[in-house]
Amino acid sequence: MMKMPSSPSSCKASEFEAASKGAVGAVEQDDIGGGGGGGGVQVTSFTELVDDITLHFQIIRLPKQIYAWIGCNSAKLGNLYAAAPTRPHNTVSVTSILGGASDNTGTGIARRIVLKTGLNVIVACNIPKNSPMLEANAEKKLVEKLISLGYSRPKSPAPGAALSSS
């Protein structure tokens, strides 16, 4: 198990390099109870170095749902958000489950992941407040990994494309 630094004041990579022993960019993936058939729980953990900041991720894929944790300065859970597609207008509803309403770091990430995957999403986000570039970079890395794992929603055909065959 990776030992996290005791000081939560900074996300600088130098603090994590010794703890992770060069694990930046490493991916660990487990398929629990699914036998590889996709019906079980799939856990993926990885670490990315972005602008001298180490971001840690864990994605847990359940049937029809994704849980994602993004951490920067400690292994704490952080704020927890739930997001789900709502009908009939293809919108997304997001709510804060754990954490203050004044700190919305993670709500946008949860909303956009639902739009990209079409799945219910739980996002735990432990990124410092008032760090929009860090949040954007974390979301970019998370979405890249979700797409590489095959969690993206298939592209729908352009409106009117089926009508043009006259």
N, C-alpha and C. Protein backbone atom coordinates (compact mmCIF):
# COMPACT_ATOMS: atom_id res chain seq x y z
N MET A 1 0.84 -1.18 0.00
CA MET A 1 0.00 0.00 0.00
C MET A 1 0.88 1.23 0.00
N MET A 2 0.50 2.25 -0.75
CA MET A 2 1.29 3.45 -0.86
C MET A 2 1.09 4.33 0.36
N LYS A 3 2.19 4.81 0.95
CA LYS A 3 2.12 5.68 2.11
C LYS A 3 2.00 7.11 1.64
N MET A 4 0.99 7.81 2.12
CA MET A 4 0.77 9.19 1.73
C MET A 4 1.53 10.10 2.69
N PRO A 5 1.97 11.27 2.23
CA PRO A 5 2.67 12.19 3.09
C PRO A 5 1.74 12.74 4.16
N SER A 6 2.32 13.11 5.30
CA SER A 6 1.51 13.58 6.41
C SER A 6 1.07 15.02 6.25
N SER A 7 1.75 15.81 5.43
CA SER A 7 1.40 17.21 5.25
C SER A 7 0.41 17.38 4.12
N PRO A 8 -0.83 17.81 4.43
CA PRO A 8 -1.81 18.00 3.37
C PRO A 8 -1.74 19.37 2.72
N SER A 9 -0.69 20.16 3.00
CA SER A 9 -0.66 21.54 2.55
C SER A 9 -0.27 21.70 1.09
N SER A 10 0.31 20.69 0.47
CA SER A 10 0.83 20.87 -0.87
C SER A 10 0.61 19.62 -1.70
N CYS A 11 0.50 19.80 -3.01
CA CYS A 11 0.34 18.68 -3.93
C CYS A 11 1.58 18.48 -4.77
N LYS A 12 2.69 19.07 -4.37
CA LYS A 12 3.90 18.98 -5.17
C LYS A 12 4.34 17.53 -5.33
N ALA A 13 4.82 17.22 -6.50
CA ALA A 13 5.20 15.85 -6.83
C ALA A 13 6.34 15.34 -5.97
N SER A 14 7.23 16.22 -5.53
CA SER A 14 8.38 15.76 -4.76
C SER A 14 7.96 15.04 -3.48
N GLU A 15 6.86 15.44 -2.87
CA GLU A 15 6.37 14.77 -1.67
C GLU A 15 5.89 13.35 -1.96
N PHE A 16 5.33 13.16 -3.13
CA PHE A 16 4.76 11.87 -3.46
C PHE A 16 5.75 10.92 -4.12
N GLU A 17 6.80 11.46 -4.72
CA GLU A 17 7.73 10.61 -5.46
C GLU A 17 8.36 9.55 -4.57
N ALA A 18 8.77 9.95 -3.37
CA ALA A 18 9.37 8.97 -2.47
C ALA A 18 8.34 7.95 -2.01
N ALA A 19 7.11 8.42 -1.77
CA ALA A 19 6.06 7.52 -1.29
C ALA A 19 5.61 6.54 -2.37
N SER A 20 5.56 7.01 -3.61
CA SER A 20 5.06 6.15 -4.67
C SER A 20 6.14 5.31 -5.31
N LYS A 21 7.41 5.60 -5.02
CA LYS A 21 8.56 4.84 -5.54
C LYS A 21 8.49 4.68 -7.05
N GLY A 22 8.22 5.79 -7.74
CA GLY A 22 8.20 5.75 -9.19
C GLY A 22 6.92 5.20 -9.78
N ALA A 23 5.84 5.18 -9.02
CA ALA A 23 4.59 4.60 -9.52
C ALA A 23 3.77 5.58 -10.33
N VAL A 24 4.29 6.77 -10.60
CA VAL A 24 3.55 7.75 -11.38
C VAL A 24 3.29 7.18 -12.77
N GLY A 25 2.05 7.18 -13.16
CA GLY A 25 1.66 6.65 -14.45
C GLY A 25 1.33 5.17 -14.43
N ALA A 26 1.58 4.49 -13.33
CA ALA A 26 1.28 3.06 -13.24
C ALA A 26 -0.23 2.85 -13.11
N VAL A 27 -0.72 1.78 -13.69
CA VAL A 27 -2.14 1.46 -13.62
C VAL A 27 -2.30 0.10 -13.00
N GLU A 28 -3.18 0.01 -12.04
CA GLU A 28 -3.50 -1.26 -11.40
C GLU A 28 -4.97 -1.53 -11.65
N GLN A 29 -5.30 -2.72 -12.14
CA GLN A 29 -6.68 -3.02 -12.49
C GLN A 29 -7.05 -4.40 -11.98
N ASP A 30 -8.22 -4.49 -11.35
CA ASP A 30 -8.74 -5.76 -10.85
C ASP A 30 -10.16 -5.93 -11.34
N ASP A 31 -10.54 -7.17 -11.65
CA ASP A 31 -11.92 -7.51 -12.01
C ASP A 31 -12.42 -8.44 -10.90
N ILE A 32 -13.36 -7.94 -10.11
CA ILE A 32 -13.83 -8.67 -8.94
C ILE A 32 -15.19 -9.31 -9.23
N GLY A 33 -15.26 -10.60 -9.16
CA GLY A 33 -16.52 -11.31 -9.28
C GLY A 33 -17.14 -11.33 -10.65
N GLY A 34 -16.45 -10.85 -11.66
CA GLY A 34 -17.05 -10.81 -12.98
C GLY A 34 -16.55 -11.89 -13.90
N GLY A 35 -15.45 -12.51 -13.55
CA GLY A 35 -14.89 -13.53 -14.42
C GLY A 35 -14.50 -12.98 -15.77
N GLY A 36 -14.28 -11.64 -15.85
CA GLY A 36 -13.91 -11.03 -17.13
C GLY A 36 -15.08 -10.78 -18.04
N GLY A 37 -16.29 -11.13 -17.62
CA GLY A 37 -17.46 -10.96 -18.47
C GLY A 37 -18.12 -9.61 -18.39
N GLY A 38 -17.63 -8.70 -17.53
CA GLY A 38 -18.20 -7.36 -17.45
C GLY A 38 -19.33 -7.23 -16.46
N GLY A 39 -19.79 -8.31 -15.83
CA GLY A 39 -20.91 -8.23 -14.91
C GLY A 39 -20.49 -7.95 -13.48
N GLY A 40 -19.18 -8.00 -13.20
CA GLY A 40 -18.70 -7.80 -11.84
C GLY A 40 -18.27 -6.38 -11.59
N VAL A 41 -17.44 -6.23 -10.59
CA VAL A 41 -16.90 -4.93 -10.22
C VAL A 41 -15.48 -4.83 -10.77
N GLN A 42 -15.19 -3.77 -11.48
CA GLN A 42 -13.86 -3.56 -12.03
C GLN A 42 -13.24 -2.35 -11.33
N VAL A 43 -12.05 -2.52 -10.77
CA VAL A 43 -11.36 -1.46 -10.04
C VAL A 43 -10.09 -1.10 -10.79
N THR A 44 -9.92 0.18 -11.08
CA THR A 44 -8.72 0.68 -11.76
C THR A 44 -8.16 1.82 -10.93
N SER A 45 -6.87 1.73 -10.61
CA SER A 45 -6.19 2.79 -9.86
C SER A 45 -4.99 3.24 -10.66
N PHE A 46 -4.76 4.56 -10.71
CA PHE A 46 -3.59 5.07 -11.42
C PHE A 46 -3.20 6.43 -10.86
N THR A 47 -1.98 6.83 -11.18
CA THR A 47 -1.42 8.09 -10.72
C THR A 47 -0.88 8.83 -11.93
N GLU A 48 -1.12 10.13 -12.00
CA GLU A 48 -0.63 10.94 -13.11
C GLU A 48 0.10 12.15 -12.56
N LEU A 49 1.17 12.55 -13.22
CA LEU A 49 1.92 13.75 -12.89
C LEU A 49 1.52 14.83 -13.89
N VAL A 50 0.90 15.91 -13.39
CA VAL A 50 0.43 16.99 -14.25
C VAL A 50 0.95 18.30 -13.69
N ASP A 51 1.78 19.01 -14.48
CA ASP A 51 2.33 20.30 -14.05
C ASP A 51 2.96 20.24 -12.67
N ASP A 52 3.83 19.27 -12.45
CA ASP A 52 4.53 19.06 -11.17
C ASP A 52 3.60 18.75 -10.01
N ILE A 53 2.41 18.31 -10.29
CA ILE A 53 1.45 17.93 -9.26
C ILE A 53 1.04 16.49 -9.50
N THR A 54 1.09 15.69 -8.45
CA THR A 54 0.71 14.28 -8.56
C THR A 54 -0.77 14.13 -8.23
N LEU A 55 -1.50 13.55 -9.16
CA LEU A 55 -2.92 13.27 -8.96
C LEU A 55 -3.11 11.76 -8.89
N HIS A 56 -3.88 11.31 -7.93
CA HIS A 56 -4.18 9.90 -7.77
C HIS A 56 -5.64 9.67 -8.12
N PHE A 57 -5.92 8.56 -8.80
CA PHE A 57 -7.27 8.25 -9.25
C PHE A 57 -7.63 6.82 -8.89
N GLN A 58 -8.89 6.59 -8.62
CA GLN A 58 -9.41 5.23 -8.52
C GLN A 58 -10.79 5.24 -9.15
N ILE A 59 -11.00 4.29 -10.05
CA ILE A 59 -12.28 4.15 -10.74
C ILE A 59 -12.84 2.78 -10.38
N ILE A 60 -14.06 2.74 -9.90
CA ILE A 60 -14.72 1.47 -9.60
C ILE A 60 -15.95 1.40 -10.49
N ARG A 61 -15.96 0.40 -11.36
CA ARG A 61 -17.08 0.22 -12.29
C ARG A 61 -18.00 -0.84 -11.73
N LEU A 62 -19.22 -0.43 -11.46
CA LEU A 62 -20.28 -1.33 -11.05
C LEU A 62 -21.24 -1.45 -12.22
N PRO A 63 -22.14 -2.42 -12.21
CA PRO A 63 -23.12 -2.47 -13.30
C PRO A 63 -23.93 -1.17 -13.36
N LYS A 64 -23.86 -0.48 -14.48
CA LYS A 64 -24.60 0.75 -14.75
C LYS A 64 -24.23 1.92 -13.84
N GLN A 65 -23.02 1.90 -13.27
CA GLN A 65 -22.61 2.98 -12.38
C GLN A 65 -21.09 3.05 -12.32
N ILE A 66 -20.57 4.26 -12.14
CA ILE A 66 -19.13 4.48 -11.98
C ILE A 66 -18.90 5.25 -10.70
N TYR A 67 -17.92 4.80 -9.91
CA TYR A 67 -17.46 5.55 -8.75
C TYR A 67 -16.04 5.99 -9.08
N ALA A 68 -15.75 7.27 -8.92
CA ALA A 68 -14.41 7.77 -9.20
C ALA A 68 -13.92 8.60 -8.03
N TRP A 69 -12.66 8.37 -7.64
CA TRP A 69 -12.02 9.17 -6.60
C TRP A 69 -10.82 9.86 -7.22
N ILE A 70 -10.70 11.16 -6.95
CA ILE A 70 -9.56 11.94 -7.40
C ILE A 70 -8.93 12.55 -6.15
N GLY A 71 -7.65 12.28 -5.94
CA GLY A 71 -6.96 12.81 -4.77
C GLY A 71 -5.70 13.53 -5.16
N CYS A 72 -5.36 14.52 -4.37
CA CYS A 72 -4.17 15.29 -4.67
C CYS A 72 -3.20 15.29 -3.50
N ASN A 73 -3.62 15.73 -2.34
CA ASN A 73 -2.66 15.93 -1.27
C ASN A 73 -2.77 14.93 -0.13
N SER A 74 -3.71 14.02 -0.20
CA SER A 74 -3.82 12.99 0.83
C SER A 74 -4.76 11.90 0.32
N ALA A 75 -4.88 10.85 1.11
CA ALA A 75 -5.77 9.75 0.74
C ALA A 75 -7.16 9.94 1.34
N LYS A 76 -7.52 11.17 1.68
CA LYS A 76 -8.84 11.45 2.23
C LYS A 76 -9.89 11.38 1.12
N LEU A 77 -11.12 11.07 1.53
CA LEU A 77 -12.21 10.94 0.58
C LEU A 77 -12.52 12.27 -0.11
N GLY A 78 -12.60 13.35 0.63
CA GLY A 78 -12.94 14.65 0.06
C GLY A 78 -14.44 14.78 -0.09
N ASN A 79 -14.85 15.74 -0.90
CA ASN A 79 -16.28 15.96 -1.14
C ASN A 79 -16.82 14.85 -2.03
N LEU A 80 -18.07 14.48 -1.79
CA LEU A 80 -18.68 13.37 -2.51
C LEU A 80 -19.93 13.86 -3.22
N TYR A 81 -20.00 13.59 -4.52
CA TYR A 81 -21.11 14.04 -5.36
C TYR A 81 -21.74 12.86 -6.09
N ALA A 82 -23.05 12.93 -6.26
CA ALA A 82 -23.77 11.94 -7.06
C ALA A 82 -24.39 12.67 -8.24
N ALA A 83 -24.30 12.05 -9.41
CA ALA A 83 -24.88 12.64 -10.62
C ALA A 83 -25.54 11.53 -11.42
N ALA A 84 -26.66 11.88 -12.05
CA ALA A 84 -27.41 10.89 -12.83
C ALA A 84 -28.11 11.58 -14.00
N PRO A 85 -28.27 10.84 -15.10
CA PRO A 85 -29.04 11.41 -16.21
C PRO A 85 -30.51 11.51 -15.82
N THR A 86 -31.15 12.59 -16.24
CA THR A 86 -32.58 12.76 -15.97
C THR A 86 -33.33 12.91 -17.28
N ARG A 87 -34.54 12.45 -17.27
CA ARG A 87 -35.38 12.50 -18.47
C ARG A 87 -36.45 13.55 -18.26
N PRO A 88 -37.07 14.05 -19.24
CA PRO A 88 -37.04 13.69 -20.65
C PRO A 88 -36.09 14.55 -21.47
N HIS A 89 -35.41 15.51 -20.88
CA HIS A 89 -34.65 16.48 -21.67
C HIS A 89 -33.16 16.22 -21.72
N ASN A 90 -32.71 15.02 -21.41
CA ASN A 90 -31.28 14.67 -21.46
C ASN A 90 -30.42 15.61 -20.63
N THR A 91 -30.89 15.95 -19.45
CA THR A 91 -30.10 16.78 -18.55
C THR A 91 -29.47 15.90 -17.48
N VAL A 92 -28.66 16.50 -16.64
CA VAL A 92 -28.00 15.77 -15.57
C VAL A 92 -28.31 16.44 -14.25
N SER A 93 -28.66 15.64 -13.26
CA SER A 93 -28.87 16.15 -11.91
C SER A 93 -27.67 15.78 -11.06
N VAL A 94 -27.17 16.75 -10.29
CA VAL A 94 -26.01 16.54 -9.43
C VAL A 94 -26.36 17.00 -8.02
N THR A 95 -25.94 16.23 -7.04
CA THR A 95 -26.14 16.63 -5.65
C THR A 95 -24.90 16.34 -4.84
N SER A 96 -24.70 17.14 -3.80
CA SER A 96 -23.59 16.93 -2.89
C SER A 96 -24.04 15.97 -1.80
N ILE A 97 -23.33 14.85 -1.65
CA ILE A 97 -23.66 13.87 -0.62
C ILE A 97 -22.86 14.14 0.65
N LEU A 98 -21.61 14.52 0.47
CA LEU A 98 -20.72 14.74 1.60
C LEU A 98 -19.85 15.95 1.29
N GLY A 99 -19.81 16.89 2.19
CA GLY A 99 -19.01 18.10 1.99
C GLY A 99 -19.90 19.31 1.91
N GLY A 100 -19.28 20.45 1.97
CA GLY A 100 -20.04 21.71 1.99
C GLY A 100 -20.56 22.10 0.63
N ALA A 101 -21.66 22.80 0.64
CA ALA A 101 -22.26 23.27 -0.61
C ALA A 101 -21.45 24.42 -1.20
N SER A 102 -20.66 25.11 -0.38
CA SER A 102 -19.87 26.24 -0.88
C SER A 102 -18.67 25.79 -1.71
N ASP A 103 -18.21 24.57 -1.51
CA ASP A 103 -17.08 24.04 -2.27
C ASP A 103 -17.63 23.10 -3.34
N ASN A 104 -17.73 23.60 -4.56
CA ASN A 104 -18.32 22.79 -5.62
C ASN A 104 -17.28 22.10 -6.50
N THR A 105 -16.04 21.97 -6.00
CA THR A 105 -15.02 21.24 -6.75
C THR A 105 -15.52 19.81 -6.95
N GLY A 106 -15.76 19.42 -8.13
CA GLY A 106 -16.22 18.07 -8.42
C GLY A 106 -17.61 18.00 -9.02
N THR A 107 -18.45 19.01 -8.80
CA THR A 107 -19.80 18.94 -9.36
C THR A 107 -19.75 18.95 -10.88
N GLY A 108 -18.92 19.82 -11.44
CA GLY A 108 -18.80 19.88 -12.90
C GLY A 108 -18.21 18.60 -13.47
N ILE A 109 -17.24 18.04 -12.76
CA ILE A 109 -16.65 16.78 -13.21
C ILE A 109 -17.71 15.69 -13.25
N ALA A 110 -18.50 15.58 -12.18
CA ALA A 110 -19.55 14.56 -12.12
C ALA A 110 -20.57 14.75 -13.24
N ARG A 111 -20.99 15.99 -13.46
CA ARG A 111 -21.98 16.29 -14.51
C ARG A 111 -21.47 15.89 -15.88
N ARG A 112 -20.23 16.27 -16.20
CA ARG A 112 -19.70 15.98 -17.54
C ARG A 112 -19.40 14.50 -17.75
N ILE A 113 -19.05 13.78 -16.69
CA ILE A 113 -18.83 12.33 -16.82
C ILE A 113 -20.15 11.63 -17.15
N VAL A 114 -21.24 12.07 -16.52
CA VAL A 114 -22.55 11.49 -16.85
C VAL A 114 -22.88 11.76 -18.31
N LEU A 115 -22.64 12.97 -18.78
CA LEU A 115 -22.93 13.30 -20.17
C LEU A 115 -22.10 12.46 -21.14
N LYS A 116 -20.85 12.15 -20.76
CA LYS A 116 -19.97 11.37 -21.65
C LYS A 116 -20.23 9.87 -21.58
N THR A 117 -20.73 9.38 -20.45
CA THR A 117 -20.89 7.93 -20.29
C THR A 117 -22.35 7.48 -20.31
N GLY A 118 -23.27 8.34 -19.92
CA GLY A 118 -24.67 7.95 -19.81
C GLY A 118 -24.95 7.11 -18.57
N LEU A 119 -23.97 6.99 -17.67
CA LEU A 119 -24.11 6.16 -16.47
C LEU A 119 -24.28 7.04 -15.23
N ASN A 120 -24.84 6.45 -14.17
CA ASN A 120 -24.87 7.13 -12.88
C ASN A 120 -23.44 7.23 -12.38
N VAL A 121 -23.10 8.33 -11.73
CA VAL A 121 -21.73 8.58 -11.31
C VAL A 121 -21.69 9.06 -9.86
N ILE A 122 -20.74 8.52 -9.11
CA ILE A 122 -20.40 9.03 -7.79
C ILE A 122 -18.96 9.51 -7.89
N VAL A 123 -18.70 10.77 -7.56
CA VAL A 123 -17.36 11.33 -7.63
C VAL A 123 -16.94 11.83 -6.25
N ALA A 124 -15.82 11.33 -5.77
CA ALA A 124 -15.20 11.85 -4.57
C ALA A 124 -14.00 12.66 -5.03
N CYS A 125 -13.95 13.91 -4.60
CA CYS A 125 -12.94 14.83 -5.13
C CYS A 125 -12.19 15.49 -3.99
N ASN A 126 -10.91 15.19 -3.88
CA ASN A 126 -10.06 15.78 -2.86
C ASN A 126 -9.01 16.65 -3.55
N ILE A 127 -9.49 17.71 -4.20
CA ILE A 127 -8.64 18.68 -4.89
C ILE A 127 -8.81 20.00 -4.14
N PRO A 128 -7.72 20.73 -3.94
CA PRO A 128 -7.83 22.00 -3.22
C PRO A 128 -8.83 22.96 -3.86
N LYS A 129 -9.52 23.70 -3.00
CA LYS A 129 -10.47 24.71 -3.44
C LYS A 129 -9.73 25.79 -4.24
N ASN A 130 -10.43 26.42 -5.15
CA ASN A 130 -9.87 27.52 -5.94
C ASN A 130 -8.66 27.10 -6.77
N SER A 131 -8.73 25.91 -7.34
CA SER A 131 -7.69 25.43 -8.25
C SER A 131 -8.34 24.97 -9.55
N PRO A 132 -8.88 25.91 -10.33
CA PRO A 132 -9.62 25.50 -11.53
C PRO A 132 -8.77 24.77 -12.56
N MET A 133 -7.50 25.14 -12.70
CA MET A 133 -6.65 24.45 -13.68
C MET A 133 -6.35 23.02 -13.23
N LEU A 134 -6.13 22.84 -11.93
CA LEU A 134 -5.90 21.50 -11.41
C LEU A 134 -7.14 20.64 -11.59
N GLU A 135 -8.31 21.22 -11.33
CA GLU A 135 -9.57 20.49 -11.51
C GLU A 135 -9.77 20.11 -12.98
N ALA A 136 -9.48 21.04 -13.88
CA ALA A 136 -9.62 20.77 -15.32
C ALA A 136 -8.66 19.67 -15.76
N ASN A 137 -7.41 19.72 -15.29
CA ASN A 137 -6.45 18.69 -15.65
C ASN A 137 -6.84 17.33 -15.08
N ALA A 138 -7.35 17.32 -13.86
CA ALA A 138 -7.79 16.05 -13.25
C ALA A 138 -8.95 15.47 -14.04
N GLU A 139 -9.90 16.31 -14.42
CA GLU A 139 -11.03 15.82 -15.22
C GLU A 139 -10.57 15.28 -16.56
N LYS A 140 -9.63 15.98 -17.20
CA LYS A 140 -9.12 15.53 -18.50
C LYS A 140 -8.49 14.15 -18.38
N LYS A 141 -7.65 13.94 -17.37
CA LYS A 141 -7.00 12.64 -17.18
C LYS A 141 -8.02 11.55 -16.85
N LEU A 142 -9.02 11.89 -16.03
CA LEU A 142 -10.06 10.92 -15.68
C LEU A 142 -10.87 10.52 -16.91
N VAL A 143 -11.26 11.48 -17.71
CA VAL A 143 -12.05 11.20 -18.92
C VAL A 143 -11.23 10.38 -19.91
N GLU A 144 -9.95 10.71 -20.08
CA GLU A 144 -9.08 9.92 -20.97
C GLU A 144 -9.06 8.46 -20.54
N LYS A 145 -8.94 8.23 -19.23
CA LYS A 145 -8.89 6.86 -18.72
C LYS A 145 -10.23 6.17 -18.91
N LEU A 146 -11.33 6.87 -18.64
CA LEU A 146 -12.66 6.27 -18.82
C LEU A 146 -12.88 5.87 -20.27
N ILE A 147 -12.46 6.71 -21.20
CA ILE A 147 -12.60 6.39 -22.62
C ILE A 147 -11.73 5.19 -22.99
N SER A 148 -10.49 5.16 -22.46
CA SER A 148 -9.61 4.03 -22.78
C SER A 148 -10.13 2.72 -22.19
N LEU A 149 -10.90 2.81 -21.11
CA LEU A 149 -11.50 1.61 -20.50
C LEU A 149 -12.84 1.24 -21.16
N GLY A 150 -13.28 2.05 -22.11
CA GLY A 150 -14.51 1.74 -22.84
C GLY A 150 -15.78 2.21 -22.17
N TYR A 151 -15.70 3.23 -21.33
CA TYR A 151 -16.88 3.71 -20.61
C TYR A 151 -17.60 4.85 -21.30
N SER A 152 -17.17 5.27 -22.47
CA SER A 152 -17.81 6.41 -23.12
C SER A 152 -19.10 5.99 -23.81
N ARG A 153 -20.02 6.93 -23.86
CA ARG A 153 -21.31 6.72 -24.52
C ARG A 153 -21.09 6.71 -26.03
N PRO A 154 -21.73 5.78 -26.75
CA PRO A 154 -21.58 5.79 -28.21
C PRO A 154 -22.14 7.08 -28.79
N LYS A 155 -21.47 7.57 -29.81
CA LYS A 155 -21.92 8.81 -30.47
C LYS A 155 -23.24 8.55 -31.17
N SER A 156 -24.18 9.46 -30.97
CA SER A 156 -25.47 9.33 -31.65
C SER A 156 -25.36 9.94 -33.03
N PRO A 157 -26.13 9.45 -33.99
CA PRO A 157 -26.07 10.02 -35.34
C PRO A 157 -26.58 11.45 -35.32
N ALA A 158 -26.11 12.23 -36.29
CA ALA A 158 -26.54 13.62 -36.39
C ALA A 158 -28.03 13.69 -36.66
N PRO A 159 -28.72 14.70 -36.10
CA PRO A 159 -30.16 14.82 -36.35
C PRO A 159 -30.43 14.98 -37.84
N GLY A 160 -31.40 14.27 -38.31
CA GLY A 160 -31.79 14.35 -39.72
C GLY A 160 -30.98 13.47 -40.64
N ALA A 161 -29.98 12.77 -40.13
CA ALA A 161 -29.13 11.93 -40.98
C ALA A 161 -29.94 10.78 -41.60
N ALA A 162 -30.91 10.26 -40.86
CA ALA A 162 -31.71 9.15 -41.37
C ALA A 162 -32.72 9.63 -42.40
N LEU A 163 -33.05 10.91 -42.41
CA LEU A 163 -34.05 11.44 -43.33
C LEU A 163 -33.47 11.82 -44.68
N SER A 164 -32.17 11.85 -44.81
CA SER A 164 -31.55 12.34 -46.04
C SER A 164 -31.50 11.30 -47.16
N SER A 165 -32.14 10.16 -47.03
CA SER A 165 -32.08 9.10 -48.05
C SER A 165 -33.21 9.21 -49.07
N SER A 166 -33.84 10.36 -49.21
CA SER A 166 -34.94 10.46 -50.17
C SER A 166 -34.49 10.67 -51.55
